[in-house]
Amino acid sequence: MAYAAEAPHAFTPREQQVLVLLSGGETYRGIARRLGISEHTVDTYLRHLRTKTGTANRTQLAVLAARLGYQPDPAAIAADPPAPLRPRP
Protein backbone atom coordinates (compact mmCIF):
# COMPACT_ATOMS: atom_id res chain seq x y z
CA MET A 1 0.00 0.00 0.00
CA ALA A 2 1.44 3.36 -0.99
CA TYR A 3 0.87 6.38 1.19
CA ALA A 4 1.17 10.04 0.33
CA ALA A 5 4.02 10.30 2.84
CA GLU A 6 6.24 7.79 1.06
CA ALA A 7 7.63 10.92 -0.59
CA PRO A 8 9.61 13.34 1.61
CA HIS A 9 7.47 15.42 3.96
CA ALA A 10 8.18 18.28 6.25
CA PHE A 11 7.07 17.16 9.69
CA THR A 12 7.40 19.59 12.57
CA PRO A 13 9.73 18.57 15.40
CA ARG A 14 6.70 17.82 17.61
CA GLU A 15 5.06 15.74 14.85
CA GLN A 16 8.31 13.79 14.57
CA GLN A 17 8.25 13.12 18.32
CA VAL A 18 4.66 11.91 18.10
CA LEU A 19 5.56 9.62 15.17
CA VAL A 20 8.48 8.12 17.09
CA LEU A 21 6.32 7.38 20.11
CA LEU A 22 3.46 6.07 17.98
CA SER A 23 5.74 3.68 16.10
CA GLY A 24 7.02 2.48 19.48
CA GLY A 25 3.52 1.41 20.45
CA GLU A 26 2.65 4.22 22.86
CA THR A 27 -1.00 4.94 23.62
CA TYR A 28 -2.52 8.41 23.40
CA ARG A 29 -2.07 8.67 27.17
CA GLY A 30 1.54 7.47 26.95
CA ILE A 31 2.40 9.95 24.22
CA ALA A 32 0.72 12.75 26.16
CA ARG A 33 2.56 11.87 29.36
CA ARG A 34 5.98 11.64 27.70
CA LEU A 35 5.53 14.93 25.83
CA GLY A 36 3.79 16.82 28.62
CA ILE A 37 0.69 17.57 26.55
CA SER A 38 -2.99 16.57 26.79
CA GLU A 39 -4.48 13.48 25.17
CA HIS A 40 -6.69 15.83 23.17
CA THR A 41 -3.57 17.51 21.76
CA VAL A 42 -2.13 14.10 20.87
CA ASP A 43 -5.35 13.31 19.02
CA THR A 44 -5.07 16.61 17.14
CA TYR A 45 -1.48 15.84 16.12
CA LEU A 46 -2.46 12.36 14.95
CA ARG A 47 -5.40 13.70 12.92
CA HIS A 48 -3.13 16.25 11.24
CA LEU A 49 -0.50 13.59 10.56
CA ARG A 50 -3.09 11.25 9.02
CA THR A 51 -4.23 14.07 6.76
CA LYS A 52 -0.66 14.96 5.77
CA THR A 53 0.27 11.36 5.05
CA GLY A 54 -2.94 10.09 3.52
CA THR A 55 -3.25 7.31 6.08
CA ALA A 56 -6.71 6.20 7.17
CA ASN A 57 -6.04 5.22 10.77
CA ARG A 58 -3.55 5.08 13.62
CA THR A 59 -2.23 1.64 12.61
CA GLN A 60 -1.43 2.74 9.06
CA LEU A 61 0.25 5.84 10.44
CA ALA A 62 2.36 3.75 12.84
CA VAL A 63 3.44 1.42 10.02
CA LEU A 64 4.34 4.39 7.83
CA ALA A 65 6.26 6.06 10.67
CA ALA A 66 8.35 2.90 11.10
CA ARG A 67 8.97 2.72 7.33
CA LEU A 68 10.16 6.31 7.34
CA GLY A 69 12.58 5.62 10.18
CA TYR A 70 10.65 7.18 13.05
CA GLN A 71 11.49 4.48 15.56
CA PRO A 72 12.18 4.95 19.25
CA ASP A 73 15.72 4.85 20.57
CA PRO A 74 15.82 2.14 23.26
CA ALA A 75 17.99 4.36 25.47
CA ALA A 76 15.42 7.15 25.28
CA ILE A 77 12.61 4.77 26.22
CA ALA A 78 14.48 3.55 29.30
CA ALA A 79 15.38 7.07 30.44
CA ASP A 80 13.45 8.50 33.36
CA PRO A 81 12.26 11.20 32.92
CA PRO A 82 11.76 10.69 29.17
CA ALA A 83 14.68 11.87 27.10
CA PRO A 84 14.12 13.95 23.95
CA LEU A 85 13.21 11.68 21.07
CA ARG A 86 14.29 12.02 17.47
CA PRO A 87 13.94 9.90 14.35
CA ARG A 88 16.74 7.52 13.54
CA PRO A 89 18.76 8.40 10.42
PDB file of N, CA and C in Angstrom:
ATOM      1  N   MET A   1       0.850  -1.176   0.000  1.00  0.00           N
ATOM      2  CA  MET A   1       0.000   0.000   0.000  1.00  0.00           C
ATOM      3  C   MET A   1       0.897   1.240   0.000  1.00  0.00           C
ATOM      4  N   ALA A   2       0.646   2.138  -0.910  1.00  0.00           N
ATOM      5  CA  ALA A   2       1.438   3.365  -0.994  1.00  0.00           C
ATOM      6  C   ALA A   2       0.702   4.497  -0.293  1.00  0.00           C
ATOM      7  N   TYR A   3       1.433   5.250   0.470  1.00  0.00           N
ATOM      8  CA  TYR A   3       0.871   6.378   1.191  1.00  0.00           C
ATOM      9  C   TYR A   3       1.442   7.663   0.620  1.00  0.00           C
ATOM     10  N   ALA A   4       0.705   8.744   0.815  1.00  0.00           N
ATOM     11  CA  ALA A   4       1.168  10.041   0.332  1.00  0.00           C
ATOM     12  C   ALA A   4       2.510  10.404   0.945  1.00  0.00           C
ATOM     13  N   ALA A   5       2.796   9.910   2.139  1.00  0.00           N
ATOM     14  CA  ALA A   5       4.020  10.298   2.838  1.00  0.00           C
ATOM     15  C   ALA A   5       5.221   9.460   2.447  1.00  0.00           C
ATOM     16  N   GLU A   6       5.068   8.535   1.498  1.00  0.00           N
ATOM     17  CA  GLU A   6       6.243   7.787   1.062  1.00  0.00           C
ATOM     18  C   GLU A   6       7.250   8.759   0.450  1.00  0.00           C
ATOM     19  N   ALA A   7       6.754   9.865  -0.089  1.00  0.00           N
ATOM     20  CA  ALA A   7       7.625  10.923  -0.587  1.00  0.00           C
ATOM     21  C   ALA A   7       8.045  11.782   0.608  1.00  0.00           C
ATOM     22  N   PRO A   8       9.156  12.513   0.488  1.00  0.00           N
ATOM     23  CA  PRO A   8       9.607  13.335   1.612  1.00  0.00           C
ATOM     24  C   PRO A   8       8.535  14.325   2.061  1.00  0.00           C
ATOM     25  N   HIS A   9       8.408  14.483   3.372  1.00  0.00           N
ATOM     26  CA  HIS A   9       7.468  15.415   3.964  1.00  0.00           C
ATOM     27  C   HIS A   9       8.186  16.265   4.982  1.00  0.00           C
ATOM     28  N   ALA A  10       7.633  17.401   5.219  1.00  0.00           N
ATOM     29  CA  ALA A  10       8.178  18.278   6.252  1.00  0.00           C
ATOM     30  C   ALA A  10       7.309  18.133   7.490  1.00  0.00           C
ATOM     31  N   PHE A  11       7.764  17.303   8.425  1.00  0.00           N
ATOM     32  CA  PHE A  11       7.073  17.163   9.694  1.00  0.00           C
ATOM     33  C   PHE A  11       7.708  18.121  10.685  1.00  0.00           C
ATOM     34  N   THR A  12       6.877  18.718  11.523  1.00  0.00           N
ATOM     35  CA  THR A  12       7.404  19.593  12.566  1.00  0.00           C
ATOM     36  C   THR A  12       8.158  18.732  13.579  1.00  0.00           C
ATOM     37  N   PRO A  13       9.026  19.354  14.371  1.00  0.00           N
ATOM     38  CA  PRO A  13       9.729  18.574  15.401  1.00  0.00           C
ATOM     39  C   PRO A  13       8.762  17.833  16.329  1.00  0.00           C
ATOM     40  N   ARG A  14       7.661  18.467  16.718  1.00  0.00           N
ATOM     41  CA  ARG A  14       6.702  17.815  17.609  1.00  0.00           C
ATOM     42  C   ARG A  14       6.001  16.662  16.899  1.00  0.00           C
ATOM     43  N   GLU A  15       5.665  16.834  15.617  1.00  0.00           N
ATOM     44  CA  GLU A  15       5.065  15.743  14.853  1.00  0.00           C
ATOM     45  C   GLU A  15       6.030  14.556  14.774  1.00  0.00           C
ATOM     46  N   GLN A  16       7.306  14.846  14.611  1.00  0.00           N
ATOM     47  CA  GLN A  16       8.308  13.786  14.572  1.00  0.00           C
ATOM     48  C   GLN A  16       8.351  13.039  15.904  1.00  0.00           C
ATOM     49  N   GLN A  17       8.269  13.765  17.014  1.00  0.00           N
ATOM     50  CA  GLN A  17       8.248  13.117  18.322  1.00  0.00           C
ATOM     51  C   GLN A  17       7.024  12.220  18.463  1.00  0.00           C
ATOM     52  N   VAL A  18       5.882  12.706  18.023  1.00  0.00           N
ATOM     53  CA  VAL A  18       4.655  11.911  18.096  1.00  0.00           C
ATOM     54  C   VAL A  18       4.797  10.656  17.234  1.00  0.00           C
ATOM     55  N   LEU A  19       5.366  10.781  16.048  1.00  0.00           N
ATOM     56  CA  LEU A  19       5.562   9.624  15.173  1.00  0.00           C
ATOM     57  C   LEU A  19       6.483   8.588  15.798  1.00  0.00           C
ATOM     58  N   VAL A  20       7.551   9.041  16.430  1.00  0.00           N
ATOM     59  CA  VAL A  20       8.483   8.120  17.089  1.00  0.00           C
ATOM     60  C   VAL A  20       7.761   7.336  18.180  1.00  0.00           C
ATOM     61  N   LEU A  21       7.023   8.036  19.014  1.00  0.00           N
ATOM     62  CA  LEU A  21       6.323   7.378  20.113  1.00  0.00           C
ATOM     63  C   LEU A  21       5.213   6.458  19.594  1.00  0.00           C
ATOM     64  N   LEU A  22       4.510   6.890  18.572  1.00  0.00           N
ATOM     65  CA  LEU A  22       3.457   6.072  17.982  1.00  0.00           C
ATOM     66  C   LEU A  22       4.037   4.782  17.413  1.00  0.00           C
ATOM     67  N   SER A  23       5.146   4.873  16.688  1.00  0.00           N
ATOM     68  CA  SER A  23       5.745   3.676  16.095  1.00  0.00           C
ATOM     69  C   SER A  23       6.303   2.747  17.166  1.00  0.00           C
ATOM     70  N   GLY A  24       6.560   3.291  18.359  1.00  0.00           N
ATOM     71  CA  GLY A  24       7.025   2.483  19.479  1.00  0.00           C
ATOM     72  C   GLY A  24       5.894   1.843  20.261  1.00  0.00           C
ATOM     73  N   GLY A  25       4.645   2.057  19.820  1.00  0.00           N
ATOM     74  CA  GLY A  25       3.518   1.406  20.446  1.00  0.00           C
ATOM     75  C   GLY A  25       2.874   2.163  21.592  1.00  0.00           C
ATOM     76  N   GLU A  26       3.241   3.430  21.774  1.00  0.00           N
ATOM     77  CA  GLU A  26       2.648   4.217  22.864  1.00  0.00           C
ATOM     78  C   GLU A  26       1.172   4.488  22.609  1.00  0.00           C
ATOM     79  N   THR A  27       0.408   4.560  23.674  1.00  0.00           N
ATOM     80  CA  THR A  27      -1.003   4.942  23.616  1.00  0.00           C
ATOM     81  C   THR A  27      -1.092   6.461  23.572  1.00  0.00           C
ATOM     82  N   TYR A  28      -2.310   6.962  23.352  1.00  0.00           N
ATOM     83  CA  TYR A  28      -2.519   8.413  23.403  1.00  0.00           C
ATOM     84  C   TYR A  28      -2.048   8.934  24.754  1.00  0.00           C
ATOM     85  N   ARG A  29      -2.449   8.249  25.818  1.00  0.00           N
ATOM     86  CA  ARG A  29      -2.069   8.668  27.171  1.00  0.00           C
ATOM     87  C   ARG A  29      -0.554   8.625  27.358  1.00  0.00           C
ATOM     88  N   GLY A  30       0.089   7.586  26.840  1.00  0.00           N
ATOM     89  CA  GLY A  30       1.543   7.470  26.954  1.00  0.00           C
ATOM     90  C   GLY A  30       2.263   8.572  26.198  1.00  0.00           C
ATOM     91  N   ILE A  31       1.796   8.866  25.001  1.00  0.00           N
ATOM     92  CA  ILE A  31       2.397   9.947  24.218  1.00  0.00           C
ATOM     93  C   ILE A  31       2.206  11.267  24.949  1.00  0.00           C
ATOM     94  N   ALA A  32       1.001  11.504  25.437  1.00  0.00           N
ATOM     95  CA  ALA A  32       0.717  12.753  26.157  1.00  0.00           C
ATOM     96  C   ALA A  32       1.613  12.899  27.379  1.00  0.00           C
ATOM     97  N   ARG A  33       1.743  11.827  28.147  1.00  0.00           N
ATOM     98  CA  ARG A  33       2.560  11.872  29.360  1.00  0.00           C
ATOM     99  C   ARG A  33       4.018  12.159  29.032  1.00  0.00           C
ATOM    100  N   ARG A  34       4.552  11.471  28.034  1.00  0.00           N
ATOM    101  CA  ARG A  34       5.975  11.636  27.696  1.00  0.00           C
ATOM    102  C   ARG A  34       6.269  13.020  27.124  1.00  0.00           C
ATOM    103  N   LEU A  35       5.287  13.613  26.437  1.00  0.00           N
ATOM    104  CA  LEU A  35       5.528  14.926  25.832  1.00  0.00           C
ATOM    105  C   LEU A  35       5.009  16.080  26.680  1.00  0.00           C
ATOM    106  N   GLY A  36       4.305  15.769  27.752  1.00  0.00           N
ATOM    107  CA  GLY A  36       3.789  16.823  28.620  1.00  0.00           C
ATOM    108  C   GLY A  36       2.658  17.621  27.986  1.00  0.00           C
ATOM    109  N   ILE A  37       1.818  16.930  27.212  1.00  0.00           N
ATOM    110  CA  ILE A  37       0.686  17.573  26.551  1.00  0.00           C
ATOM    111  C   ILE A  37      -0.575  16.768  26.876  1.00  0.00           C
ATOM    112  N   SER A  38      -1.739  17.284  26.512  1.00  0.00           N
ATOM    113  CA  SER A  38      -2.990  16.574  26.793  1.00  0.00           C
ATOM    114  C   SER A  38      -3.241  15.483  25.748  1.00  0.00           C
ATOM    115  N   GLU A  39      -4.087  14.528  26.124  1.00  0.00           N
ATOM    116  CA  GLU A  39      -4.484  13.485  25.174  1.00  0.00           C
ATOM    117  C   GLU A  39      -5.228  14.091  23.986  1.00  0.00           C
ATOM    118  N   HIS A  40      -5.975  15.141  24.244  1.00  0.00           N
ATOM    119  CA  HIS A  40      -6.691  15.827  23.165  1.00  0.00           C
ATOM    120  C   HIS A  40      -5.696  16.399  22.158  1.00  0.00           C
ATOM    121  N   THR A  41      -4.597  16.963  22.648  1.00  0.00           N
ATOM    122  CA  THR A  41      -3.573  17.511  21.761  1.00  0.00           C
ATOM    123  C   THR A  41      -2.910  16.395  20.958  1.00  0.00           C
ATOM    124  N   VAL A  42      -2.685  15.254  21.588  1.00  0.00           N
ATOM    125  CA  VAL A  42      -2.131  14.100  20.866  1.00  0.00           C
ATOM    126  C   VAL A  42      -3.078  13.709  19.737  1.00  0.00           C
ATOM    127  N   ASP A  43      -4.364  13.650  20.041  1.00  0.00           N
ATOM    128  CA  ASP A  43      -5.355  13.313  19.021  1.00  0.00           C
ATOM    129  C   ASP A  43      -5.305  14.306  17.866  1.00  0.00           C
ATOM    130  N   THR A  44      -5.163  15.579  18.181  1.00  0.00           N
ATOM    131  CA  THR A  44      -5.070  16.610  17.144  1.00  0.00           C
ATOM    132  C   THR A  44      -3.837  16.385  16.270  1.00  0.00           C
ATOM    133  N   TYR A  45      -2.687  16.118  16.900  1.00  0.00           N
ATOM    134  CA  TYR A  45      -1.477  15.840  16.119  1.00  0.00           C
ATOM    135  C   TYR A  45      -1.683  14.628  15.212  1.00  0.00           C
ATOM    136  N   LEU A  46      -2.270  13.571  15.752  1.00  0.00           N
ATOM    137  CA  LEU A  46      -2.456  12.361  14.953  1.00  0.00           C
ATOM    138  C   LEU A  46      -3.433  12.590  13.796  1.00  0.00           C
ATOM    139  N   ARG A  47      -4.479  13.376  14.018  1.00  0.00           N
ATOM    140  CA  ARG A  47      -5.400  13.695  12.923  1.00  0.00           C
ATOM    141  C   ARG A  47      -4.675  14.476  11.832  1.00  0.00           C
ATOM    142  N   HIS A  48      -3.870  15.466  12.228  1.00  0.00           N
ATOM    143  CA  HIS A  48      -3.127  16.252  11.236  1.00  0.00           C
ATOM    144  C   HIS A  48      -2.130  15.372  10.484  1.00  0.00           C
ATOM    145  N   LEU A  49      -1.467  14.480  11.206  1.00  0.00           N
ATOM    146  CA  LEU A  49      -0.505  13.588  10.556  1.00  0.00           C
ATOM    147  C   LEU A  49      -1.195  12.634   9.581  1.00  0.00           C
ATOM    148  N   ARG A  50      -2.365  12.124   9.955  1.00  0.00           N
ATOM    149  CA  ARG A  50      -3.094  11.246   9.024  1.00  0.00           C
ATOM    150  C   ARG A  50      -3.487  12.008   7.763  1.00  0.00           C
ATOM    151  N   THR A  51      -3.882  13.255   7.927  1.00  0.00           N
ATOM    152  CA  THR A  51      -4.233  14.068   6.762  1.00  0.00           C
ATOM    153  C   THR A  51      -3.011  14.318   5.889  1.00  0.00           C
ATOM    154  N   LYS A  52      -1.898  14.688   6.511  1.00  0.00           N
ATOM    155  CA  LYS A  52      -0.663  14.960   5.766  1.00  0.00           C
ATOM    156  C   LYS A  52      -0.174  13.736   5.004  1.00  0.00           C
ATOM    157  N   THR A  53      -0.308  12.570   5.621  1.00  0.00           N
ATOM    158  CA  THR A  53       0.273  11.360   5.047  1.00  0.00           C
ATOM    159  C   THR A  53      -0.682  10.552   4.186  1.00  0.00           C
ATOM    160  N   GLY A  54      -1.968  10.851   4.284  1.00  0.00           N
ATOM    161  CA  GLY A  54      -2.938  10.092   3.520  1.00  0.00           C
ATOM    162  C   GLY A  54      -3.262   8.742   4.135  1.00  0.00           C
ATOM    163  N   THR A  55      -2.927   8.557   5.401  1.00  0.00           N
ATOM    164  CA  THR A  55      -3.248   7.310   6.084  1.00  0.00           C
ATOM    165  C   THR A  55      -4.663   7.392   6.639  1.00  0.00           C
ATOM    166  N   ALA A  56      -5.314   6.231   6.759  1.00  0.00           N
ATOM    167  CA  ALA A  56      -6.713   6.203   7.173  1.00  0.00           C
ATOM    168  C   ALA A  56      -6.892   6.033   8.676  1.00  0.00           C
ATOM    169  N   ASN A  57      -5.878   5.485   9.344  1.00  0.00           N
ATOM    170  CA  ASN A  57      -6.041   5.225  10.773  1.00  0.00           C
ATOM    171  C   ASN A  57      -4.684   5.212  11.473  1.00  0.00           C
ATOM    172  N   ARG A  58      -4.744   5.054  12.765  1.00  0.00           N
ATOM    173  CA  ARG A  58      -3.547   5.081  13.616  1.00  0.00           C
ATOM    174  C   ARG A  58      -2.574   3.954  13.261  1.00  0.00           C
ATOM    175  N   THR A  59      -3.095   2.777  12.940  1.00  0.00           N
ATOM    176  CA  THR A  59      -2.235   1.645  12.609  1.00  0.00           C
ATOM    177  C   THR A  59      -1.455   1.910  11.335  1.00  0.00           C
ATOM    178  N   GLN A  60      -2.129   2.411  10.304  1.00  0.00           N
ATOM    179  CA  GLN A  60      -1.428   2.738   9.061  1.00  0.00           C
ATOM    180  C   GLN A  60      -0.373   3.806   9.306  1.00  0.00           C
ATOM    181  N   LEU A  61      -0.702   4.779  10.132  1.00  0.00           N
ATOM    182  CA  LEU A  61       0.253   5.845  10.442  1.00  0.00           C
ATOM    183  C   LEU A  61       1.465   5.279  11.176  1.00  0.00           C
ATOM    184  N   ALA A  62       1.253   4.361  12.108  1.00  0.00           N
ATOM    185  CA  ALA A  62       2.365   3.747  12.845  1.00  0.00           C
ATOM    186  C   ALA A  62       3.266   2.946  11.912  1.00  0.00           C
ATOM    187  N   VAL A  63       2.663   2.202  10.991  1.00  0.00           N
ATOM    188  CA  VAL A  63       3.440   1.420  10.022  1.00  0.00           C
ATOM    189  C   VAL A  63       4.260   2.363   9.144  1.00  0.00           C
ATOM    190  N   LEU A  64       3.637   3.416   8.667  1.00  0.00           N
ATOM    191  CA  LEU A  64       4.338   4.388   7.834  1.00  0.00           C
ATOM    192  C   LEU A  64       5.476   5.054   8.604  1.00  0.00           C
ATOM    193  N   ALA A  65       5.224   5.423   9.851  1.00  0.00           N
ATOM    194  CA  ALA A  65       6.264   6.056  10.672  1.00  0.00           C
ATOM    195  C   ALA A  65       7.475   5.138  10.787  1.00  0.00           C
ATOM    196  N   ALA A  66       7.243   3.860  11.004  1.00  0.00           N
ATOM    197  CA  ALA A  66       8.351   2.901  11.101  1.00  0.00           C
ATOM    198  C   ALA A  66       9.090   2.800   9.764  1.00  0.00           C
ATOM    199  N   ARG A  67       8.344   2.772   8.659  1.00  0.00           N
ATOM    200  CA  ARG A  67       8.974   2.717   7.329  1.00  0.00           C
ATOM    201  C   ARG A  67       9.856   3.928   7.063  1.00  0.00           C
ATOM    202  N   LEU A  68       9.412   5.073   7.567  1.00  0.00           N
ATOM    203  CA  LEU A  68      10.160   6.314   7.338  1.00  0.00           C
ATOM    204  C   LEU A  68      11.307   6.494   8.326  1.00  0.00           C
ATOM    205  N   GLY A  69      11.465   5.566   9.247  1.00  0.00           N
ATOM    206  CA  GLY A  69      12.584   5.623  10.183  1.00  0.00           C
ATOM    207  C   GLY A  69      12.281   6.286  11.511  1.00  0.00           C
ATOM    208  N   TYR A  70      11.029   6.573  11.770  1.00  0.00           N
ATOM    209  CA  TYR A  70      10.651   7.180  13.047  1.00  0.00           C
ATOM    210  C   TYR A  70      10.427   6.070  14.061  1.00  0.00           C
ATOM    211  N   GLN A  71      11.540   5.565  14.594  1.00  0.00           N
ATOM    212  CA  GLN A  71      11.486   4.483  15.561  1.00  0.00           C
ATOM    213  C   GLN A  71      12.156   4.940  16.849  1.00  0.00           C
ATOM    214  N   PRO A  72      11.624   4.495  17.978  1.00  0.00           N
ATOM    215  CA  PRO A  72      12.184   4.949  19.250  1.00  0.00           C
ATOM    216  C   PRO A  72      13.584   4.417  19.488  1.00  0.00           C
ATOM    217  N   ASP A  73      14.379   5.233  20.143  1.00  0.00           N
ATOM    218  CA  ASP A  73      15.718   4.854  20.567  1.00  0.00           C
ATOM    219  C   ASP A  73      15.556   4.127  21.906  1.00  0.00           C
ATOM    220  N   PRO A  74      16.003   2.880  22.010  1.00  0.00           N
ATOM    221  CA  PRO A  74      15.819   2.137  23.260  1.00  0.00           C
ATOM    222  C   PRO A  74      16.355   2.868  24.492  1.00  0.00           C
ATOM    223  N   ALA A  75      17.437   3.609  24.338  1.00  0.00           N
ATOM    224  CA  ALA A  75      17.988   4.359  25.472  1.00  0.00           C
ATOM    225  C   ALA A  75      17.034   5.461  25.908  1.00  0.00           C
ATOM    226  N   ALA A  76      16.358   6.082  24.948  1.00  0.00           N
ATOM    227  CA  ALA A  76      15.415   7.148  25.279  1.00  0.00           C
ATOM    228  C   ALA A  76      14.185   6.588  25.977  1.00  0.00           C
ATOM    229  N   ILE A  77      13.777   5.387  25.600  1.00  0.00           N
ATOM    230  CA  ILE A  77      12.611   4.766  26.218  1.00  0.00           C
ATOM    231  C   ILE A  77      12.904   4.433  27.674  1.00  0.00           C
ATOM    232  N   ALA A  78      14.112   3.962  27.947  1.00  0.00           N
ATOM    233  CA  ALA A  78      14.476   3.552  29.300  1.00  0.00           C
ATOM    234  C   ALA A  78      14.763   4.738  30.218  1.00  0.00           C
ATOM    235  N   ALA A  79      15.025   5.890  29.632  1.00  0.00           N
ATOM    236  CA  ALA A  79      15.376   7.069  30.435  1.00  0.00           C
ATOM    237  C   ALA A  79      14.186   7.525  31.280  1.00  0.00           C
ATOM    238  N   ASP A  80      14.499   8.004  32.481  1.00  0.00           N
ATOM    239  CA  ASP A  80      13.448   8.503  33.356  1.00  0.00           C
ATOM    240  C   ASP A  80      13.948   9.775  34.007  1.00  0.00           C
ATOM    241  N   PRO A  81      13.432  10.934  33.745  1.00  0.00           N
ATOM    242  CA  PRO A  81      12.259  11.203  32.916  1.00  0.00           C
ATOM    243  C   PRO A  81      12.568  10.989  31.434  1.00  0.00           C
ATOM    244  N   PRO A  82      11.534  10.965  30.597  1.00  0.00           N
ATOM    245  CA  PRO A  82      11.756  10.693  29.173  1.00  0.00           C
ATOM    246  C   PRO A  82      12.756  11.657  28.552  1.00  0.00           C
ATOM    247  N   ALA A  83      13.679  11.079  27.809  1.00  0.00           N
ATOM    248  CA  ALA A  83      14.676  11.871  27.096  1.00  0.00           C
ATOM    249  C   ALA A  83      14.064  12.393  25.812  1.00  0.00           C
ATOM    250  N   PRO A  84      14.626  13.470  25.244  1.00  0.00           N
ATOM    251  CA  PRO A  84      14.119  13.947  23.946  1.00  0.00           C
ATOM    252  C   PRO A  84      14.233  12.837  22.910  1.00  0.00           C
ATOM    253  N   LEU A  85      13.233  12.714  22.090  1.00  0.00           N
ATOM    254  CA  LEU A  85      13.206  11.681  21.070  1.00  0.00           C
ATOM    255  C   LEU A  85      13.410  12.289  19.713  1.00  0.00           C
ATOM    256  N   ARG A  86      14.067  11.554  18.837  1.00  0.00           N
ATOM    257  CA  ARG A  86      14.293  12.018  17.473  1.00  0.00           C
ATOM    258  C   ARG A  86      14.264  10.807  16.553  1.00  0.00           C
ATOM    259  N   PRO A  87      13.964  11.024  15.275  1.00  0.00           N
ATOM    260  CA  PRO A  87      13.943   9.899  14.353  1.00  0.00           C
ATOM    261  C   PRO A  87      15.348   9.372  14.116  1.00  0.00           C
ATOM    262  N   ARG A  88      15.437   8.105  13.876  1.00  0.00           N
ATOM    263  CA  ARG A  88      16.743   7.516  13.543  1.00  0.00           C
ATOM    264  C   ARG A  88      17.088   7.870  12.104  1.00  0.00           C
ATOM    265  N   PRO A  89      18.368   8.074  11.814  1.00  0.00           N
ATOM    266  CA  PRO A  89      18.762   8.402  10.419  1.00  0.00           C
ATOM    267  C   PRO A  89      18.568   7.244   9.485  1.00  0.00           C
TER     268      PRO A  89
END
